[in-house]
Amino acid sequence: MLQTSHNNKITVIGNGGWGTTLAILLQKKGYEVILWGADSGYTKYLREKRENVKYLKGIRIPSEIHITSDISKKLTEAELIVSAVPTPYLRSVLVKFKVIFNEEIPVVSVTKGIENDTLMRPSEIIADVFGKIPICLLLGPSHAEEVSLGLPTTIVASSNEDGLARIVQDTFTTGRLRVYTNPDIIGVELGAAMKNVIAIASGICEGLEFGDNSKAALITRGLAEISRLGVAMGAQKNTFSGLTGLGDLITTCISPYGRNRRVGEQIGKGRKLQEILKNMEQIAEGVWTTKSVVSLSDKYKVEMPITRETYNILFNDKNPLVAVSNLMMRTPRSEVEDLA
């Protein structure tokens, strides 16, 4: 069974909403936490004001949490490193840490996405930069805003090493955050990434003022697409009916907190993608994940009509109503063949 150093120190890389939330949670559990961010100016602001006004407004950051933008050996003198960097920036940030990285320290990845150029999942990017190291995913339906307020939440720890998954489970579990384990790292990571694509489509439905019937159809048929590609890539089908599949999909598609859903809603109301992204503080991972998933569907020859139409709306300026019509007028087929 894998063992960590048990020095009670944890480093969180990425000071967005989720990274900040996890840093606070861990500090409250008694860990000595360092919260690292790339932007030195904003990091200084966080250190002085003790509130992440951009990403987690109204939540105080305890003074015990050390906030820094420096890259030093102190960051890797920890029993765990939590990687909470958005996918588009993940590789470049990790490269900065490579010179000080201790290959024996497990990395807990909470990033949801797929890299555009390589089609790698976050755990694969981490392994590509650092080599063969212990990695555990910590994913699921978990809005930072709700976790920071202590609202009941359940997520999943997933690793090839059962011992590491259980360590992560114990480390992050609280009376309000319940952590399950699941060894299917491919399925857990793909479900967490691909649901953001369907969330954009769900937001488009909202912007077009469609009803609950439309949203239910989109979530259900979207899950079928996610499952098809996941299984083709080696995932276990049952994973997609769990927390990082259906659970995360529901949360992202219906919640007002969801960045990806908000992007879709604005597009449904007639705004252009670049205009929307320009005015967003946070990264809408689903926009870039859509590109990657379309490439993966081509690579694995998996039919994903909702994903493809979402791509056409985002990047080919397709009229959303035309895309909806194309989906509704597809050749009739059996539902069972997609669910078997």
Protein backbone atom coordinates (compact mmCIF):
# COMPACT_ATOMS: atom_id res chain seq x y z
CA MET A 1 0.00 0.00 0.00
CA LEU A 2 1.29 3.43 -0.98
CA GLN A 3 2.36 5.67 1.86
CA THR A 4 2.70 9.45 1.94
CA SER A 5 5.22 11.33 4.07
CA HIS A 6 2.58 12.21 6.72
CA ASN A 7 4.20 15.60 7.36
CA ASN A 8 0.77 17.29 7.51
CA LYS A 9 1.67 19.66 4.66
CA ILE A 10 -0.32 20.03 1.43
CA THR A 11 0.35 22.35 -1.52
CA VAL A 12 -2.53 23.51 -3.71
CA ILE A 13 -1.47 24.72 -7.18
CA GLY A 14 -4.07 27.09 -8.60
CA ASN A 15 -5.89 29.79 -6.65
CA GLY A 16 -9.18 29.81 -8.53
CA GLY A 17 -12.46 29.06 -6.82
CA TRP A 18 -11.96 25.30 -6.45
CA GLY A 19 -8.31 25.51 -5.46
CA THR A 20 -9.14 28.12 -2.83
CA THR A 21 -12.09 26.07 -1.53
CA LEU A 22 -9.97 22.94 -1.14
CA ALA A 23 -7.18 24.89 0.55
CA ILE A 24 -9.67 26.21 3.12
CA LEU A 25 -11.19 22.75 3.63
CA LEU A 26 -7.78 21.18 4.21
CA GLN A 27 -6.67 23.93 6.59
CA LYS A 28 -9.82 23.43 8.64
CA LYS A 29 -8.93 19.73 8.88
CA GLY A 30 -5.62 20.65 10.45
CA TYR A 31 -3.25 20.57 7.47
CA GLU A 32 -0.53 23.13 6.87
CA VAL A 33 -1.54 24.48 3.46
CA ILE A 34 0.28 26.50 0.81
CA LEU A 35 -1.93 28.03 -1.91
CA TRP A 36 0.04 28.87 -5.06
CA GLY A 37 -1.08 31.13 -7.91
CA ALA A 38 0.66 32.19 -11.12
CA ASP A 39 -0.40 35.86 -11.01
CA SER A 40 1.88 37.56 -8.49
CA GLY A 41 -0.29 40.67 -8.33
CA TYR A 42 -3.48 38.80 -7.56
CA THR A 43 -1.65 36.49 -5.18
CA LYS A 44 -0.47 39.55 -3.24
CA TYR A 45 -4.07 40.79 -3.14
CA LEU A 46 -5.27 37.44 -1.76
CA ARG A 47 -2.54 37.43 0.85
CA GLU A 48 -3.50 40.90 2.06
CA LYS A 49 -7.31 40.87 1.71
CA ARG A 50 -7.93 37.19 2.52
CA GLU A 51 -10.86 36.97 0.10
CA ASN A 52 -10.89 35.57 -3.44
CA VAL A 53 -13.21 38.24 -4.85
CA LYS A 54 -12.85 37.03 -8.45
CA TYR A 55 -13.71 33.39 -7.92
CA LEU A 56 -15.10 32.87 -4.40
CA LYS A 57 -16.59 36.12 -3.20
CA GLY A 58 -17.64 36.37 0.42
CA ILE A 59 -15.54 33.45 1.72
CA ARG A 60 -12.69 34.33 4.08
CA ILE A 61 -9.32 32.67 3.52
CA PRO A 62 -7.82 31.76 6.93
CA SER A 63 -4.63 33.60 7.84
CA GLU A 64 -2.99 30.22 8.49
CA ILE A 65 -2.96 29.45 4.75
CA HIS A 66 0.31 30.60 3.16
CA ILE A 67 -0.41 32.25 -0.20
CA THR A 68 2.43 32.65 -2.70
CA SER A 69 3.38 32.95 -6.36
CA ASP A 70 7.00 31.93 -5.75
CA ILE A 71 8.25 28.57 -6.99
CA SER A 72 10.52 27.11 -4.35
CA LYS A 73 11.41 23.75 -2.82
CA LYS A 74 9.03 24.54 0.02
CA LEU A 75 6.10 23.84 -2.31
CA THR A 76 7.17 20.25 -2.78
CA GLU A 77 7.91 19.56 0.87
CA ALA A 78 4.39 18.18 1.19
CA GLU A 79 2.65 14.84 1.51
CA LEU A 80 0.24 15.73 -1.32
CA ILE A 81 0.14 18.28 -4.13
CA VAL A 82 -3.29 19.31 -5.40
CA SER A 83 -3.35 20.42 -9.04
CA ALA A 84 -6.24 22.84 -9.61
CA VAL A 85 -5.05 24.55 -12.79
CA PRO A 86 -7.42 24.84 -15.81
CA THR A 87 -6.51 22.53 -18.68
CA PRO A 88 -5.40 25.25 -21.16
CA TYR A 89 -2.71 26.38 -18.68
CA LEU A 90 -1.92 23.09 -16.97
CA ARG A 91 1.11 22.00 -18.99
CA SER A 92 2.86 25.38 -18.87
CA VAL A 93 2.37 25.63 -15.10
CA LEU A 94 3.61 22.09 -14.46
CA VAL A 95 6.75 22.70 -16.52
CA LYS A 96 7.63 25.51 -14.09
CA PHE A 97 7.39 23.05 -11.21
CA LYS A 98 9.41 20.30 -12.88
CA VAL A 99 12.78 21.58 -11.65
CA ILE A 100 11.71 21.33 -7.99
CA PHE A 101 9.35 18.37 -8.21
CA ASN A 102 9.78 15.34 -5.97
CA GLU A 103 8.64 12.29 -7.92
CA GLU A 104 7.60 10.49 -4.74
CA ILE A 105 4.89 13.04 -3.88
CA PRO A 106 1.40 12.06 -5.07
CA VAL A 107 -0.49 14.59 -7.18
CA VAL A 108 -4.24 14.99 -6.73
CA SER A 109 -5.79 16.33 -9.95
CA VAL A 110 -9.07 18.24 -9.74
CA THR A 111 -8.92 19.62 -13.30
CA LYS A 112 -11.70 18.82 -15.78
CA GLY A 113 -10.83 19.00 -19.46
CA ILE A 114 -8.93 17.55 -22.44
CA GLU A 115 -5.88 19.23 -23.96
CA ASN A 116 -6.54 20.41 -27.52
CA ASP A 117 -3.19 19.70 -29.17
CA THR A 118 -2.49 16.29 -27.62
CA LEU A 119 -6.02 15.11 -26.67
CA MET A 120 -4.54 14.17 -23.28
CA ARG A 121 -6.58 14.13 -20.10
CA PRO A 122 -5.18 16.14 -17.15
CA SER A 123 -3.70 13.05 -15.48
CA GLU A 124 -1.93 12.19 -18.74
CA ILE A 125 -0.54 15.73 -18.98
CA ILE A 126 0.79 15.44 -15.42
CA ALA A 127 2.46 12.12 -16.25
CA ASP A 128 3.82 13.52 -19.51
CA VAL A 129 5.54 16.38 -17.67
CA PHE A 130 6.64 14.66 -14.44
CA GLY A 131 7.04 11.05 -15.56
CA LYS A 132 5.68 8.04 -13.70
CA ILE A 133 4.37 9.45 -10.43
CA PRO A 134 1.46 8.58 -8.12
CA ILE A 135 -1.68 10.37 -9.39
CA CYS A 136 -5.20 10.46 -8.01
CA LEU A 137 -8.23 12.21 -9.47
CA LEU A 138 -10.70 14.03 -7.23
CA LEU A 139 -13.74 14.82 -9.36
CA GLY A 140 -17.51 14.95 -9.31
CA PRO A 141 -20.48 17.32 -8.95
CA SER A 142 -18.87 19.93 -6.73
CA HIS A 143 -19.44 23.64 -7.23
CA ALA A 144 -16.86 25.51 -5.19
CA GLU A 145 -19.49 27.97 -4.03
CA GLU A 146 -21.54 25.21 -2.38
CA VAL A 147 -18.60 23.31 -0.87
CA SER A 148 -17.21 26.52 0.62
CA LEU A 149 -20.57 27.11 2.32
CA GLY A 150 -20.56 23.62 3.79
CA LEU A 151 -23.45 22.29 1.70
CA PRO A 152 -23.48 18.46 1.46
CA THR A 153 -21.46 17.25 -1.54
CA THR A 154 -20.22 13.88 -2.82
CA ILE A 155 -17.25 13.35 -5.13
CA VAL A 156 -14.93 10.57 -6.31
CA ALA A 157 -11.25 9.74 -5.73
CA SER A 158 -9.86 7.64 -8.58
CA SER A 159 -6.38 6.14 -8.93
CA ASN A 160 -4.61 3.11 -10.36
CA GLU A 161 -3.27 2.63 -6.84
CA ASP A 162 -6.05 1.73 -4.43
CA GLY A 163 -3.94 2.78 -1.47
CA LEU A 164 -3.57 6.31 -2.83
CA ALA A 165 -7.29 6.60 -3.56
CA ARG A 166 -8.04 5.68 0.05
CA ILE A 167 -5.49 8.17 1.38
CA VAL A 168 -7.10 10.91 -0.72
CA GLN A 169 -10.54 9.76 0.41
CA ASP A 170 -9.52 10.08 4.06
CA THR A 171 -7.71 13.38 3.51
CA PHE A 172 -10.63 15.22 1.92
CA THR A 173 -13.64 13.64 3.63
CA THR A 174 -15.49 15.89 6.08
CA GLY A 175 -18.94 15.90 7.64
CA ARG A 176 -20.15 17.78 4.55
CA LEU A 177 -17.91 16.33 1.81
CA ARG A 178 -18.24 12.61 1.21
CA VAL A 179 -15.61 10.97 -1.00
CA TYR A 180 -16.16 7.65 -2.78
CA THR A 181 -13.46 5.67 -4.62
CA ASN A 182 -13.58 4.33 -8.18
CA PRO A 183 -10.59 2.71 -9.96
CA ASP A 184 -11.85 3.66 -13.46
CA ILE A 185 -9.61 6.68 -14.02
CA ILE A 186 -10.44 6.89 -17.75
CA GLY A 187 -14.18 6.96 -17.16
CA VAL A 188 -14.00 9.29 -14.17
CA GLU A 189 -11.82 11.80 -16.00
CA LEU A 190 -13.69 11.65 -19.32
CA GLY A 191 -17.09 12.03 -17.69
CA ALA A 192 -15.91 15.05 -15.73
CA ALA A 193 -14.55 16.67 -18.90
CA MET A 194 -17.23 15.85 -21.44
CA LYS A 195 -20.18 16.94 -19.31
CA ASN A 196 -19.04 20.53 -19.86
CA VAL A 197 -19.78 20.17 -23.58
CA ILE A 198 -23.33 19.04 -22.89
CA ALA A 199 -23.67 21.86 -20.34
CA ILE A 200 -22.99 24.39 -23.10
CA ALA A 201 -25.72 22.76 -25.19
CA SER A 202 -28.05 22.87 -22.18
CA GLY A 203 -27.35 26.57 -21.78
CA ILE A 204 -28.16 27.14 -25.44
CA CYS A 205 -31.55 25.50 -24.82
CA GLU A 206 -32.07 27.88 -21.91
CA GLY A 207 -31.13 30.87 -24.04
CA LEU A 208 -33.57 29.75 -26.72
CA GLU A 209 -36.27 29.51 -24.02
CA PHE A 210 -36.90 25.82 -24.59
CA GLY A 211 -38.73 23.83 -21.92
CA ASP A 212 -37.93 21.06 -19.46
CA ASN A 213 -38.66 18.37 -22.06
CA SER A 214 -35.81 19.67 -24.21
CA LYS A 215 -33.38 19.80 -21.30
CA ALA A 216 -34.26 16.27 -20.17
CA ALA A 217 -33.72 14.96 -23.70
CA LEU A 218 -30.41 16.79 -23.98
CA ILE A 219 -29.06 15.46 -20.68
CA THR A 220 -30.16 11.90 -21.44
CA ARG A 221 -28.92 11.79 -25.02
CA GLY A 222 -25.79 13.70 -24.03
CA LEU A 223 -24.99 11.04 -21.45
CA ALA A 224 -25.38 8.39 -24.18
CA GLU A 225 -22.76 10.22 -26.25
CA ILE A 226 -20.39 10.51 -23.30
CA SER A 227 -20.79 6.80 -22.53
CA ARG A 228 -20.20 5.72 -26.14
CA LEU A 229 -16.93 7.60 -26.44
CA GLY A 230 -15.82 6.63 -22.96
CA VAL A 231 -16.33 2.92 -23.56
CA ALA A 232 -14.52 3.20 -26.91
CA MET A 233 -11.56 4.71 -25.05
CA GLY A 234 -11.44 1.96 -22.44
CA ALA A 235 -13.72 3.25 -19.67
CA GLN A 236 -16.23 1.17 -17.72
CA LYS A 237 -19.80 1.96 -18.78
CA ASN A 238 -21.13 1.89 -15.19
CA THR A 239 -18.92 4.84 -14.30
CA PHE A 240 -21.07 7.13 -16.42
CA SER A 241 -24.15 6.43 -14.33
CA GLY A 242 -22.21 7.52 -11.24
CA LEU A 243 -21.13 10.80 -9.69
CA THR A 244 -18.58 11.82 -12.33
CA GLY A 245 -20.95 10.89 -15.15
CA LEU A 246 -24.65 11.50 -14.61
CA GLY A 247 -24.11 13.31 -11.31
CA ASP A 248 -21.69 15.89 -12.65
CA LEU A 249 -23.72 16.23 -15.85
CA ILE A 250 -26.94 17.08 -13.99
CA THR A 251 -25.23 19.60 -11.73
CA THR A 252 -23.49 21.38 -14.57
CA CYS A 253 -26.54 21.49 -16.82
CA ILE A 254 -29.01 22.87 -14.28
CA SER A 255 -26.95 25.02 -11.93
CA PRO A 256 -26.76 28.83 -12.16
CA TYR A 257 -23.12 28.53 -10.98
CA GLY A 258 -22.07 26.67 -14.15
CA ARG A 259 -19.76 28.74 -16.36
CA ASN A 260 -20.26 26.47 -19.35
CA ARG A 261 -24.02 26.59 -19.07
CA ARG A 262 -23.84 30.40 -18.89
CA VAL A 263 -21.75 30.52 -22.07
CA GLY A 264 -24.37 28.42 -23.86
CA GLU A 265 -27.22 30.55 -22.53
CA GLN A 266 -25.62 33.72 -23.87
CA ILE A 267 -25.08 32.09 -27.26
CA GLY A 268 -28.73 31.01 -27.30
CA LYS A 269 -29.65 34.65 -26.75
CA GLY A 270 -27.66 35.67 -29.81
CA ARG A 271 -24.29 36.77 -28.43
CA LYS A 272 -21.01 35.74 -30.10
CA LEU A 273 -18.55 33.40 -28.42
CA GLN A 274 -15.53 35.71 -28.44
CA GLU A 275 -17.57 38.53 -26.92
CA ILE A 276 -18.76 36.21 -24.14
CA LEU A 277 -15.30 34.84 -23.34
CA LYS A 278 -13.77 38.31 -23.34
CA ASN A 279 -16.04 39.34 -20.47
CA MET A 280 -15.57 36.21 -18.33
CA GLU A 281 -13.30 36.14 -15.27
CA GLN A 282 -13.16 32.33 -15.17
CA ILE A 283 -12.28 29.69 -17.75
CA ALA A 284 -15.20 27.92 -19.43
CA GLU A 285 -13.41 24.59 -19.93
CA GLY A 286 -16.22 23.18 -22.07
CA VAL A 287 -15.50 25.54 -24.97
CA TRP A 288 -12.05 24.06 -25.49
CA THR A 289 -13.10 20.56 -24.48
CA THR A 290 -15.65 20.61 -27.31
CA LYS A 291 -12.80 20.84 -29.82
CA SER A 292 -10.98 17.93 -28.21
CA VAL A 293 -14.07 15.71 -27.96
CA VAL A 294 -14.91 16.21 -31.64
CA SER A 295 -11.34 15.15 -32.50
CA LEU A 296 -11.66 12.10 -30.22
CA SER A 297 -15.00 11.15 -31.76
CA ASP A 298 -13.33 11.21 -35.18
CA LYS A 299 -10.35 9.22 -33.91
CA TYR A 300 -12.48 6.51 -32.30
CA LYS A 301 -15.24 6.68 -34.93
CA VAL A 302 -17.96 7.35 -32.37
CA GLU A 303 -21.14 9.15 -33.38
CA MET A 304 -21.73 12.24 -31.18
CA PRO A 305 -24.34 14.44 -32.89
CA ILE A 306 -25.05 16.78 -29.96
CA THR A 307 -21.35 17.40 -29.42
CA ARG A 308 -20.76 18.02 -33.12
CA GLU A 309 -23.65 20.48 -33.42
CA THR A 310 -22.39 22.27 -30.31
CA TYR A 311 -18.99 22.52 -31.99
CA ASN A 312 -20.60 23.94 -35.15
CA ILE A 313 -22.45 26.57 -33.12
CA LEU A 314 -19.31 27.57 -31.19
CA PHE A 315 -16.72 27.55 -33.94
CA ASN A 316 -18.57 27.61 -37.28
CA ASP A 317 -21.14 30.24 -36.30
CA LYS A 318 -24.03 27.88 -37.00
CA ASN A 319 -27.48 29.15 -36.10
CA PRO A 320 -28.56 27.29 -32.93
CA LEU A 321 -32.10 26.80 -34.26
CA VAL A 322 -30.73 25.17 -37.41
CA ALA A 323 -28.57 22.89 -35.26
CA VAL A 324 -31.62 21.90 -33.19
CA SER A 325 -33.59 21.17 -36.35
CA ASN A 326 -30.76 19.00 -37.68
CA LEU A 327 -30.72 16.99 -34.44
CA MET A 328 -34.48 16.54 -34.34
CA MET A 329 -34.70 15.47 -37.99
CA ARG A 330 -32.00 12.80 -37.85
CA THR A 331 -32.91 9.33 -39.11
CA PRO A 332 -35.26 7.61 -36.61
CA ARG A 333 -33.60 4.92 -34.52
CA SER A 334 -34.01 2.75 -31.43
CA GLU A 335 -33.06 4.18 -28.06
CA VAL A 336 -32.05 0.72 -26.83
CA GLU A 337 -29.11 0.38 -29.22
CA ASP A 338 -27.43 3.34 -27.48
CA LEU A 339 -28.20 2.09 -23.98
CA ALA A 340 -27.27 -1.57 -24.36
